[in-house]
C-alpha cells in the first residue's frame, strides 16, 4: 500500500482487549484479521483519560463516509459480542470497523472492501465517545 496512512490513537484499555480478542480467534481466522493487527501495532497508545474526544474508540458512535460512492453512515463500533443484528452496530472485526478504529475526525484511510478491491473510509463526526463521556472502564 503506497498511500500515507493516518496517525492512529488507541486507548490502552481498547488495545489490551483487542489483543486478547485477536489471540482468542481460531488460527484460520487470524489471517483475516492481519490488517487489524498491523494497525494495532502502529498505533499511538494513550491512557483512556487522555483520549482526544475526536478519535474513534471502541463503543463510539461515528458518522463516516465511504468513498468514492459518497454514502454516509452512522454506526457504533462494538466488540463482536456487541453485535445484535441491528444496522446501527458494526464489529471491530468487520472491514469497516477495523478501518475506523483509532482515526480522528477528518481522517481517511484506504481499506480492503468486503467484496474485494478497496474503499476509502472518512470520519465525519464522533457522535458519542465513551471516554469523552467519562466512561473510562467500560
Protein backbone atom coordinates (compact mmCIF):
# COMPACT_ATOMS: atom_id res chain seq x y z
CA UNK A 1 0.00 0.00 0.00
CA UNK A 2 1.54 3.26 -1.05
CA UNK A 3 -0.74 5.91 0.43
CA UNK A 4 0.31 7.64 3.65
CA UNK A 5 -1.70 6.16 6.46
CA UNK A 6 -3.16 8.48 9.09
CA UNK A 7 -1.99 8.51 12.68
CA UNK A 8 -3.98 6.10 14.84
CA UNK A 9 -4.68 6.66 18.52
CA UNK A 10 -5.88 3.84 20.77
CA UNK A 11 -6.62 3.72 24.45
CA UNK A 12 -4.53 1.26 26.43
CA UNK A 13 -7.78 -0.41 27.54
CA UNK A 14 -9.04 -0.90 23.97
CA UNK A 15 -5.63 -2.17 22.84
CA UNK A 16 -5.46 -4.74 25.64
CA UNK A 17 -8.98 -6.01 24.97
CA UNK A 18 -8.45 -6.16 21.20
CA UNK A 19 -5.17 -8.07 21.57
CA UNK A 20 -6.98 -10.60 23.79
CA UNK A 21 -9.82 -10.85 21.28
CA UNK A 22 -7.47 -11.47 18.36
CA UNK A 23 -5.43 -14.03 20.30
CA UNK A 24 -8.64 -15.93 21.06
CA UNK A 25 -9.55 -16.26 17.37
CA UNK A 26 -9.07 -19.64 15.65
CA UNK A 27 -5.82 -19.86 13.70
CA UNK A 28 -7.59 -19.80 10.33
CA UNK A 29 -9.40 -16.56 11.27
CA UNK A 30 -6.22 -14.78 12.33
CA UNK A 31 -5.06 -14.27 8.73
CA UNK A 32 -8.34 -12.46 8.07
CA UNK A 33 -7.51 -10.02 10.85
CA UNK A 34 -3.85 -9.48 9.96
CA UNK A 35 -4.52 -5.92 8.80
CA UNK A 36 -6.16 -5.07 12.13
CA UNK A 37 -3.14 -6.48 13.98
CA UNK A 38 -0.84 -4.38 11.79
CA UNK A 39 -2.86 -1.27 12.66
CA UNK A 40 -2.78 -2.05 16.40
CA UNK A 41 0.99 -2.41 16.23
CA UNK A 42 1.48 1.03 14.65
CA UNK A 43 -0.97 2.95 16.86
CA UNK A 44 -0.11 5.62 19.41
CA UNK A 45 -1.39 4.28 22.73
CA UNK A 46 -2.73 6.65 25.39
CA UNK A 47 -4.38 6.28 28.76
CA UNK A 48 -8.19 6.35 28.39
CA UNK A 49 -8.43 9.62 30.37
CA UNK A 50 -6.05 11.26 27.85
CA UNK A 51 -8.04 10.18 24.76
CA UNK A 52 -8.85 13.14 22.49
CA UNK A 53 -12.65 13.42 22.01
CA UNK A 54 -12.26 13.46 18.21
CA UNK A 55 -10.90 9.88 17.97
CA UNK A 56 -12.90 6.72 17.21
CA UNK A 57 -12.62 4.35 20.17
CA UNK A 58 -14.47 1.15 20.95
CA UNK A 59 -18.16 1.79 21.61
CA UNK A 60 -18.00 5.17 19.86
CA UNK A 61 -20.86 6.19 17.59
CA UNK A 62 -19.44 7.61 14.38
CA UNK A 63 -20.71 9.33 11.27
CA UNK A 64 -18.49 8.36 8.35
CA UNK A 65 -18.48 8.39 4.58
CA UNK A 66 -17.29 5.74 2.16
CA UNK A 67 -15.61 6.94 -0.99
CA UNK A 68 -15.85 7.14 -3.94
CA UNK A 69 -19.61 6.48 -3.60
CA UNK A 70 -20.06 9.26 -1.00
CA UNK A 71 -22.52 7.28 1.13
CA UNK A 72 -22.74 8.37 4.76
CA UNK A 73 -23.47 6.10 7.69
CA UNK A 74 -23.82 6.29 11.47
CA UNK A 75 -22.56 3.22 13.30
CA UNK A 76 -21.43 2.26 16.79
CA UNK A 77 -18.13 0.37 16.82
CA UNK A 78 -18.51 -2.69 19.05
CA UNK A 79 -16.75 -5.89 20.00
CA UNK A 80 -18.16 -8.99 18.26
CA UNK A 81 -20.25 -9.81 21.35
CA UNK A 82 -21.99 -6.43 21.00
CA UNK A 83 -23.28 -7.14 17.50
CA UNK A 84 -27.01 -7.68 17.85
CA UNK A 85 -28.07 -7.80 14.21
CA UNK A 86 -29.08 -4.16 14.09
CA UNK A 87 -27.74 -2.00 11.29
CA UNK A 88 -26.56 0.59 13.84
CA UNK A 89 -23.68 -1.54 15.16
CA UNK A 90 -20.55 -2.73 13.42
CA UNK A 91 -17.99 -5.19 14.77
CA UNK A 92 -14.38 -4.13 15.05
CA UNK A 93 -13.60 -7.38 13.20
CA UNK A 94 -15.65 -6.29 10.15
CA UNK A 95 -13.59 -4.48 7.49
CA UNK A 96 -15.33 -1.13 8.04
CA UNK A 97 -14.97 -1.46 11.83
CA UNK A 98 -11.27 -2.22 11.62
CA UNK A 99 -10.82 0.71 9.26
CA UNK A 100 -12.44 3.27 11.60
CA UNK A 101 -10.72 2.32 14.84
CA UNK A 102 -8.27 4.96 16.04
CA UNK A 103 -8.98 7.52 13.31
CA UNK A 104 -9.79 11.13 14.16
CA UNK A 105 -12.45 13.38 12.66
CA UNK A 106 -11.35 14.39 9.15
CA UNK A 107 -9.05 11.38 8.71
CA UNK A 108 -9.48 8.89 5.91
CA UNK A 109 -7.88 5.54 5.19
CA UNK A 110 -7.89 3.18 2.25
CA UNK A 111 -9.04 -0.26 3.35
CA UNK A 112 -9.86 -3.62 1.76
CA UNK A 113 -13.55 -3.74 0.82
CA UNK A 114 -15.65 -6.71 1.96
CA UNK A 115 -16.31 -7.85 -1.61
CA UNK A 116 -12.81 -7.25 -2.95
CA UNK A 117 -10.96 -4.16 -4.06
CA UNK A 118 -10.55 -1.19 -1.75
CA UNK A 119 -12.65 1.60 -0.33
CA UNK A 120 -11.81 4.81 1.46
CA UNK A 121 -13.38 5.49 4.84
CA UNK A 122 -13.54 9.13 6.01
CA UNK A 123 -14.52 10.05 9.58
CA UNK A 124 -17.00 12.93 9.53
CA UNK A 125 -18.10 13.24 13.18
CA UNK A 126 -17.93 11.49 16.55
CA UNK A 127 -21.50 11.46 17.87
CA UNK A 128 -20.60 9.66 21.10
CA UNK A 129 -17.28 8.58 22.59
CA UNK A 130 -17.23 6.74 25.94
CA UNK A 131 -14.02 8.43 27.12
CA UNK A 132 -15.40 11.92 26.38
CA UNK A 133 -18.43 10.96 28.49
CA UNK A 134 -16.28 9.84 31.42
CA UNK A 135 -16.72 6.08 30.80
CA UNK A 136 -13.09 5.01 31.13
CA UNK A 137 -13.52 1.38 32.26
CA UNK A 138 -16.47 0.20 30.18
